[in-house]
Amino acid sequence: MGIGSAVAIYFVIWWTTLFAVLPFGVRSQREAGEVSPGSDPGAPAIARIGLIMLINSLVAAATFVVFWLFLLPLL
């Protein structure tokens, strides 16, 4: 597998796992009891997008390593 293919596969895995990791630890404004005027009560109270992206990168890296280890004998 070339470096370009590896980067492309990691990119696809990263975006796919993002949708699984995105709701981790998110509390809505309604659950927090602090609904901002003019916003949806289901909107996140605190958007910790940096932490979510870091967790997602780690999950995607672990998934990519497992994928690569299964693919390695076929190369």
N, C-alpha and C. Protein backbone atom coordinates (compact mmCIF):
# COMPACT_ATOMS: atom_id res chain seq x y z
N MET A 1 0.86 -1.17 0.00
CA MET A 1 0.00 0.00 0.00
C MET A 1 0.90 1.23 0.00
N GLY A 2 0.63 2.13 -0.90
CA GLY A 2 1.41 3.36 -0.98
C GLY A 2 0.96 4.37 0.06
N ILE A 3 1.76 5.41 0.24
CA ILE A 3 1.46 6.43 1.24
C ILE A 3 0.17 7.18 0.88
N GLY A 4 -0.05 7.42 -0.39
CA GLY A 4 -1.27 8.10 -0.82
C GLY A 4 -2.51 7.28 -0.51
N SER A 5 -2.43 5.99 -0.76
CA SER A 5 -3.56 5.10 -0.45
C SER A 5 -3.81 5.05 1.05
N ALA A 6 -2.73 4.99 1.83
CA ALA A 6 -2.87 4.94 3.29
C ALA A 6 -3.53 6.21 3.82
N VAL A 7 -3.12 7.36 3.30
CA VAL A 7 -3.71 8.63 3.73
C VAL A 7 -5.18 8.69 3.34
N ALA A 8 -5.50 8.24 2.14
CA ALA A 8 -6.90 8.26 1.68
C ALA A 8 -7.76 7.34 2.53
N ILE A 9 -7.26 6.15 2.86
CA ILE A 9 -8.02 5.22 3.69
C ILE A 9 -8.19 5.77 5.09
N TYR A 10 -7.14 6.37 5.66
CA TYR A 10 -7.26 6.97 6.99
C TYR A 10 -8.29 8.10 6.97
N PHE A 11 -8.28 8.91 5.93
CA PHE A 11 -9.24 10.01 5.80
C PHE A 11 -10.68 9.50 5.79
N VAL A 12 -10.93 8.43 5.04
CA VAL A 12 -12.28 7.84 4.98
C VAL A 12 -12.66 7.26 6.34
N ILE A 13 -11.73 6.57 6.99
CA ILE A 13 -12.00 6.02 8.32
C ILE A 13 -12.26 7.14 9.31
N TRP A 14 -11.48 8.23 9.23
CA TRP A 14 -11.65 9.35 10.16
C TRP A 14 -13.05 9.95 10.05
N TRP A 15 -13.51 10.19 8.83
CA TRP A 15 -14.84 10.78 8.63
C TRP A 15 -15.94 9.80 9.05
N THR A 16 -15.74 8.51 8.82
CA THR A 16 -16.74 7.53 9.20
C THR A 16 -16.86 7.42 10.71
N THR A 17 -15.73 7.39 11.41
CA THR A 17 -15.77 7.28 12.87
C THR A 17 -16.22 8.58 13.53
N LEU A 18 -16.10 9.70 12.83
CA LEU A 18 -16.54 10.97 13.40
C LEU A 18 -18.02 10.92 13.78
N PHE A 19 -18.83 10.31 12.94
CA PHE A 19 -20.27 10.25 13.23
C PHE A 19 -20.58 9.34 14.40
N ALA A 20 -19.70 8.39 14.70
CA ALA A 20 -19.89 7.54 15.87
C ALA A 20 -19.41 8.23 17.14
N VAL A 21 -18.36 9.05 17.04
CA VAL A 21 -17.75 9.68 18.20
C VAL A 21 -18.43 11.01 18.55
N LEU A 22 -19.06 11.64 17.59
CA LEU A 22 -19.63 12.98 17.78
C LEU A 22 -20.55 13.12 18.99
N PRO A 23 -21.42 12.16 19.28
CA PRO A 23 -22.32 12.35 20.43
C PRO A 23 -21.71 12.02 21.79
N PHE A 24 -20.46 11.60 21.88
CA PHE A 24 -19.85 11.23 23.16
C PHE A 24 -19.83 12.42 24.12
N GLY A 25 -20.46 12.28 25.27
CA GLY A 25 -20.39 13.28 26.32
C GLY A 25 -21.10 14.59 26.04
N VAL A 26 -21.98 14.63 25.05
CA VAL A 26 -22.67 15.87 24.71
C VAL A 26 -23.96 15.96 25.52
N ARG A 27 -24.14 17.09 26.17
CA ARG A 27 -25.38 17.36 26.90
C ARG A 27 -26.09 18.51 26.21
N SER A 28 -27.39 18.36 26.04
CA SER A 28 -28.16 19.42 25.39
C SER A 28 -28.38 20.56 26.36
N GLN A 29 -28.78 21.70 25.81
CA GLN A 29 -29.07 22.85 26.66
C GLN A 29 -30.24 22.56 27.59
N ARG A 30 -31.19 21.78 27.13
CA ARG A 30 -32.33 21.42 27.97
C ARG A 30 -31.87 20.57 29.15
N GLU A 31 -30.98 19.59 28.90
CA GLU A 31 -30.46 18.75 29.98
C GLU A 31 -29.65 19.56 30.98
N ALA A 32 -28.91 20.54 30.48
CA ALA A 32 -28.09 21.38 31.34
C ALA A 32 -28.92 22.43 32.07
N GLY A 33 -30.13 22.67 31.61
CA GLY A 33 -31.00 23.67 32.23
C GLY A 33 -30.64 25.09 31.90
N GLU A 34 -29.92 25.30 30.80
CA GLU A 34 -29.48 26.64 30.40
C GLU A 34 -29.77 26.86 28.92
N VAL A 35 -31.02 27.06 28.58
CA VAL A 35 -31.39 27.27 27.18
C VAL A 35 -31.17 28.73 26.82
N SER A 36 -30.29 28.99 25.85
CA SER A 36 -30.02 30.35 25.39
C SER A 36 -31.18 30.84 24.54
N PRO A 37 -31.58 32.08 24.72
CA PRO A 37 -32.69 32.61 23.91
C PRO A 37 -32.36 32.56 22.42
N GLY A 38 -33.31 32.06 21.65
CA GLY A 38 -33.15 32.02 20.20
C GLY A 38 -32.45 30.77 19.69
N SER A 39 -32.05 29.87 20.57
CA SER A 39 -31.39 28.65 20.11
C SER A 39 -32.29 27.45 20.38
N ASP A 40 -31.97 26.36 19.71
CA ASP A 40 -32.73 25.13 19.87
C ASP A 40 -32.39 24.49 21.21
N PRO A 41 -33.38 24.03 21.96
CA PRO A 41 -33.09 23.40 23.26
C PRO A 41 -32.26 22.12 23.14
N GLY A 42 -32.25 21.51 21.96
CA GLY A 42 -31.47 20.29 21.75
C GLY A 42 -30.03 20.56 21.36
N ALA A 43 -29.67 21.83 21.20
CA ALA A 43 -28.29 22.18 20.83
C ALA A 43 -27.36 21.89 22.00
N PRO A 44 -26.10 21.56 21.72
CA PRO A 44 -25.16 21.27 22.80
C PRO A 44 -24.95 22.47 23.72
N ALA A 45 -24.87 22.20 25.01
CA ALA A 45 -24.62 23.26 25.98
C ALA A 45 -23.16 23.72 25.87
N ILE A 46 -22.25 22.76 25.76
CA ILE A 46 -20.82 23.07 25.61
C ILE A 46 -20.31 22.24 24.43
N ALA A 47 -19.87 22.91 23.38
CA ALA A 47 -19.34 22.21 22.21
C ALA A 47 -17.84 22.02 22.40
N ARG A 48 -17.44 20.82 22.76
CA ARG A 48 -16.02 20.51 22.95
C ARG A 48 -15.50 19.83 21.68
N ILE A 49 -15.53 20.57 20.58
CA ILE A 49 -15.19 19.99 19.29
C ILE A 49 -13.72 19.58 19.20
N GLY A 50 -12.84 20.32 19.86
CA GLY A 50 -11.43 19.96 19.84
C GLY A 50 -11.18 18.62 20.52
N LEU A 51 -11.81 18.39 21.66
CA LEU A 51 -11.67 17.12 22.36
C LEU A 51 -12.28 15.99 21.55
N ILE A 52 -13.42 16.25 20.93
CA ILE A 52 -14.08 15.22 20.11
C ILE A 52 -13.20 14.86 18.92
N MET A 53 -12.57 15.85 18.30
CA MET A 53 -11.69 15.57 17.16
C MET A 53 -10.46 14.78 17.59
N LEU A 54 -9.92 15.09 18.77
CA LEU A 54 -8.78 14.33 19.28
C LEU A 54 -9.16 12.88 19.54
N ILE A 55 -10.28 12.67 20.21
CA ILE A 55 -10.75 11.30 20.47
C ILE A 55 -11.01 10.58 19.16
N ASN A 56 -11.62 11.27 18.21
CA ASN A 56 -11.90 10.67 16.91
C ASN A 56 -10.62 10.30 16.18
N SER A 57 -9.60 11.13 16.26
CA SER A 57 -8.33 10.82 15.60
C SER A 57 -7.70 9.57 16.20
N LEU A 58 -7.80 9.41 17.52
CA LEU A 58 -7.25 8.22 18.17
C LEU A 58 -8.03 6.96 17.78
N VAL A 59 -9.36 7.07 17.75
CA VAL A 59 -10.19 5.93 17.35
C VAL A 59 -9.92 5.58 15.89
N ALA A 60 -9.80 6.58 15.03
CA ALA A 60 -9.53 6.33 13.61
C ALA A 60 -8.15 5.72 13.42
N ALA A 61 -7.17 6.17 14.19
CA ALA A 61 -5.82 5.60 14.08
C ALA A 61 -5.82 4.13 14.50
N ALA A 62 -6.51 3.82 15.61
CA ALA A 62 -6.59 2.43 16.05
C ALA A 62 -7.31 1.56 15.02
N THR A 63 -8.37 2.09 14.44
CA THR A 63 -9.11 1.36 13.40
C THR A 63 -8.24 1.16 12.17
N PHE A 64 -7.48 2.18 11.80
CA PHE A 64 -6.60 2.06 10.63
C PHE A 64 -5.51 1.02 10.87
N VAL A 65 -4.94 0.98 12.07
CA VAL A 65 -3.90 -0.02 12.39
C VAL A 65 -4.47 -1.43 12.27
N VAL A 66 -5.67 -1.64 12.79
CA VAL A 66 -6.30 -2.96 12.69
C VAL A 66 -6.54 -3.30 11.22
N PHE A 67 -7.04 -2.34 10.45
CA PHE A 67 -7.26 -2.55 9.02
C PHE A 67 -5.95 -2.89 8.32
N TRP A 68 -4.90 -2.17 8.64
CA TRP A 68 -3.60 -2.38 8.00
C TRP A 68 -3.03 -3.75 8.37
N LEU A 69 -3.20 -4.17 9.63
CA LEU A 69 -2.69 -5.48 10.05
C LEU A 69 -3.43 -6.63 9.34
N PHE A 70 -4.72 -6.45 9.08
CA PHE A 70 -5.44 -7.47 8.32
C PHE A 70 -5.07 -7.44 6.85
N LEU A 71 -4.73 -6.27 6.34
CA LEU A 71 -4.38 -6.13 4.93
C LEU A 71 -2.95 -6.56 4.64
N LEU A 72 -2.07 -6.45 5.64
CA LEU A 72 -0.65 -6.72 5.45
C LEU A 72 -0.35 -8.09 4.86
N PRO A 73 -0.96 -9.18 5.32
CA PRO A 73 -0.66 -10.48 4.74
C PRO A 73 -1.09 -10.60 3.27
N LEU A 74 -2.01 -9.77 2.84
CA LEU A 74 -2.48 -9.84 1.46
C LEU A 74 -1.56 -9.10 0.49
N LEU A 75 -0.68 -8.28 1.00
CA LEU A 75 0.18 -7.49 0.12
C LEU A 75 1.33 -8.28 -0.35
